[in-house]
C-alpha cells in the first residue's frame, strides 16, 4: 500500500519534470503542444479518495503553472479533470472494477481509451479556453485544441503501452 503511494509520488515528480523541461518545448507546426502530465490523473487507482485526487491534481497543475509562469491555467484544468474523474470512470468502467484497479491500455483497452480521450479533451478545452479568454479567432483556437488533443493522446497511449510492456517482461 505504501509502495503504491511512493510510486504515485515518483510518477508525479517525473511527469512534472518532463512537462516543464521537455514537452513544453515541443510545438508541432506552432499549434500542437503535448500535455502529458494528465497521465498522472488517468493512472491513479480507481478507488482513490476523491479529495486526494483533487488535491494532487491541483498541486500538479499549480507546480506546472509556477514553472511556466501561467496564471493558474494548468491548476484549473487539472483540478477540473480531477473533480470529474470519478463520474468519468463510472461512465466507462463497471463497479466491480473499482477499488485497486489501475486503468490502462493492457488491462482495459476500450474503456481506458474512451476515458482518456474524454479526460484529455476536457483538460485541453479548459486550458485553451482559459488561455484564449475571448473567441476572437475561433478557427486557430479549434485547430490548436484538436492538434494538442491528438498529440497528447498519441504520446499518452505510447507511454502507457511502453510502460506496461517493460514491467511485464521483467
Protein backbone atom coordinates (compact mmCIF):
# COMPACT_ATOMS: atom_id res chain seq x y z
CA UNK A 1 0.00 0.00 0.00
CA UNK A 2 2.73 2.45 0.94
CA UNK A 3 4.63 1.35 -2.15
CA UNK A 4 1.65 2.46 -4.28
CA UNK A 5 1.84 5.98 -2.84
CA UNK A 6 5.60 6.07 -3.33
CA UNK A 7 5.12 5.04 -6.97
CA UNK A 8 2.48 7.77 -7.40
CA UNK A 9 4.75 10.45 -5.95
CA UNK A 10 7.58 9.33 -8.22
CA UNK A 11 5.27 9.39 -11.27
CA UNK A 12 4.02 12.82 -10.15
CA UNK A 13 7.56 14.25 -9.99
CA UNK A 14 8.74 12.65 -13.24
CA UNK A 15 5.73 13.88 -15.21
CA UNK A 16 6.15 17.43 -13.89
CA UNK A 17 9.82 17.44 -14.84
CA UNK A 18 9.11 16.00 -18.28
CA UNK A 19 6.33 18.51 -18.92
CA UNK A 20 8.35 21.53 -17.83
CA UNK A 21 11.70 20.56 -19.34
CA UNK A 22 10.71 18.60 -22.46
CA UNK A 23 7.09 18.67 -23.55
CA UNK A 24 6.52 22.40 -23.21
CA UNK A 25 9.45 22.93 -25.57
CA UNK A 26 7.66 20.90 -28.26
CA UNK A 27 5.44 22.78 -30.66
CA UNK A 28 4.39 20.91 -33.77
CA UNK A 29 3.88 23.48 -36.54
CA UNK A 30 3.23 26.11 -33.87
CA UNK A 31 -0.11 24.54 -33.00
CA UNK A 32 0.24 21.33 -31.00
CA UNK A 33 1.82 21.06 -27.58
CA UNK A 34 1.56 17.77 -25.67
CA UNK A 35 0.24 17.93 -22.11
CA UNK A 36 1.37 14.54 -20.90
CA UNK A 37 1.17 15.34 -17.19
CA UNK A 38 -2.54 14.45 -17.27
CA UNK A 39 -1.33 10.84 -17.44
CA UNK A 40 -0.91 11.00 -13.66
CA UNK A 41 -4.65 11.50 -13.11
CA UNK A 42 -5.52 8.76 -15.57
CA UNK A 43 -3.25 6.18 -13.90
CA UNK A 44 -4.36 6.59 -10.29
CA UNK A 45 -6.17 3.53 -8.91
CA UNK A 46 -9.90 3.82 -9.41
CA UNK A 47 -10.72 3.56 -5.70
CA UNK A 48 -8.52 6.51 -4.67
CA UNK A 49 -10.14 9.05 -2.37
CA UNK A 50 -11.76 11.89 -4.35
CA UNK A 51 -10.17 14.59 -2.20
CA UNK A 52 -6.72 13.03 -2.63
CA UNK A 53 -7.19 13.04 -6.42
CA UNK A 54 -8.39 16.65 -6.46
CA UNK A 55 -5.56 17.86 -4.22
CA UNK A 56 -2.94 16.01 -6.26
CA UNK A 57 -4.45 17.36 -9.49
CA UNK A 58 -4.39 20.90 -8.16
CA UNK A 59 -0.82 20.55 -6.87
CA UNK A 60 0.38 19.18 -10.19
CA UNK A 61 -1.23 21.99 -12.16
CA UNK A 62 -0.07 24.62 -9.65
CA UNK A 63 3.55 23.45 -9.79
CA UNK A 64 3.49 23.47 -13.59
CA UNK A 65 1.94 26.95 -13.53
CA UNK A 66 4.77 28.16 -11.31
CA UNK A 67 7.45 26.82 -13.64
CA UNK A 68 5.74 28.00 -16.83
CA UNK A 69 4.59 31.35 -15.43
CA UNK A 70 0.97 30.73 -16.41
CA UNK A 71 -1.65 32.31 -14.14
CA UNK A 72 -3.46 29.22 -12.82
CA UNK A 73 -4.49 27.77 -16.18
CA UNK A 74 -2.97 24.32 -15.61
CA UNK A 75 -4.15 24.22 -11.99
CA UNK A 76 -7.71 24.99 -13.07
CA UNK A 77 -7.67 22.38 -15.83
CA UNK A 78 -6.19 19.56 -13.74
CA UNK A 79 -8.44 20.33 -10.77
CA UNK A 80 -11.49 20.27 -13.05
CA UNK A 81 -10.49 16.92 -14.58
CA UNK A 82 -9.66 15.52 -11.12
CA UNK A 83 -13.11 16.54 -9.87
CA UNK A 84 -14.76 14.85 -12.87
CA UNK A 85 -12.58 11.73 -12.68
CA UNK A 86 -14.92 9.54 -10.62
CA UNK A 87 -18.04 10.24 -12.76
CA UNK A 88 -15.99 9.65 -15.91
CA UNK A 89 -14.67 6.37 -14.53
CA UNK A 90 -18.20 5.23 -13.70
CA UNK A 91 -19.22 6.10 -17.22
CA UNK A 92 -16.72 3.69 -18.78
CA UNK A 93 -15.93 1.03 -16.15
CA UNK A 94 -18.13 -1.35 -14.17
CA UNK A 95 -18.46 -1.10 -10.39
CA UNK A 96 -16.71 -4.45 -9.91
CA UNK A 97 -13.53 -2.92 -11.30
CA UNK A 98 -13.35 -0.13 -8.70
CA UNK A 99 -11.01 -0.20 -5.66
CA UNK A 100 -7.40 -1.01 -6.57
CA UNK A 101 -7.84 -1.41 -10.31
CA UNK A 102 -5.48 0.85 -12.29
CA UNK A 103 -6.90 1.68 -15.73
CA UNK A 104 -4.58 1.12 -18.66
CA UNK A 105 -4.23 0.04 -22.27
CA UNK A 106 -3.40 -3.57 -21.46
CA UNK A 107 -5.87 -4.04 -18.59
CA UNK A 108 -8.97 -2.49 -20.18
CA UNK A 109 -8.10 -1.03 -23.55
CA UNK A 110 -11.55 0.03 -24.81
CA UNK A 111 -12.83 1.71 -21.64
CA UNK A 112 -9.41 3.22 -20.91
CA UNK A 113 -9.12 4.73 -24.39
CA UNK A 114 -12.60 6.28 -24.12
CA UNK A 115 -11.86 7.55 -20.60
CA UNK A 116 -8.50 9.01 -21.69
CA UNK A 117 -9.94 10.67 -24.81
CA UNK A 118 -12.73 12.34 -22.85
CA UNK A 119 -10.43 13.39 -19.98
CA UNK A 120 -7.78 14.84 -22.29
CA UNK A 121 -10.44 16.63 -24.36
CA UNK A 122 -11.91 18.24 -21.24
CA UNK A 123 -8.44 19.15 -19.96
CA UNK A 124 -7.31 20.72 -23.24
CA UNK A 125 -10.62 22.57 -23.69
CA UNK A 126 -10.26 24.18 -20.27
CA UNK A 127 -6.62 25.11 -20.91
CA UNK A 128 -7.19 26.63 -24.34
CA UNK A 129 -10.47 28.22 -23.30
CA UNK A 130 -8.85 29.99 -20.36
CA UNK A 131 -5.80 30.88 -22.41
CA UNK A 132 -7.84 32.42 -25.22
CA UNK A 133 -10.31 34.21 -22.88
CA UNK A 134 -12.09 35.52 -25.96
CA UNK A 135 -13.18 33.66 -29.04
CA UNK A 136 -11.63 36.25 -31.35
CA UNK A 137 -10.04 33.74 -33.71
CA UNK A 138 -12.08 30.59 -33.20
CA UNK A 139 -10.52 28.71 -36.15
CA UNK A 140 -6.99 28.94 -34.74
CA UNK A 141 -8.26 28.05 -31.26
CA UNK A 142 -10.03 24.93 -32.55
CA UNK A 143 -7.02 23.90 -34.64
CA UNK A 144 -4.68 24.25 -31.64
CA UNK A 145 -7.15 22.37 -29.44
CA UNK A 146 -7.59 19.47 -31.84
CA UNK A 147 -3.87 19.20 -32.67
CA UNK A 148 -2.87 19.23 -28.99
CA UNK A 149 -5.50 16.63 -28.10
CA UNK A 150 -4.30 14.27 -30.82
CA UNK A 151 -0.61 14.74 -29.98
CA UNK A 152 -1.25 14.28 -26.25
CA UNK A 153 -3.30 11.12 -26.80
CA UNK A 154 -0.73 9.57 -29.13
CA UNK A 155 2.07 10.15 -26.63
CA UNK A 156 -0.10 9.09 -23.69
CA UNK A 157 -1.08 5.77 -25.29
CA UNK A 158 2.51 5.15 -26.39
CA UNK A 159 3.76 5.79 -22.85
CA UNK A 160 1.12 3.53 -21.34
CA UNK A 161 1.87 0.71 -23.78
CA UNK A 162 5.63 1.00 -23.32
CA UNK A 163 5.39 1.19 -19.54
CA UNK A 164 3.34 -1.99 -19.21
CA UNK A 165 5.39 -3.98 -21.72
CA UNK A 166 8.54 -3.02 -19.84
CA UNK A 167 7.21 -4.24 -16.46
CA UNK A 168 5.59 -7.40 -17.87
CA UNK A 169 8.84 -8.58 -19.45
CA UNK A 170 10.77 -8.27 -16.18
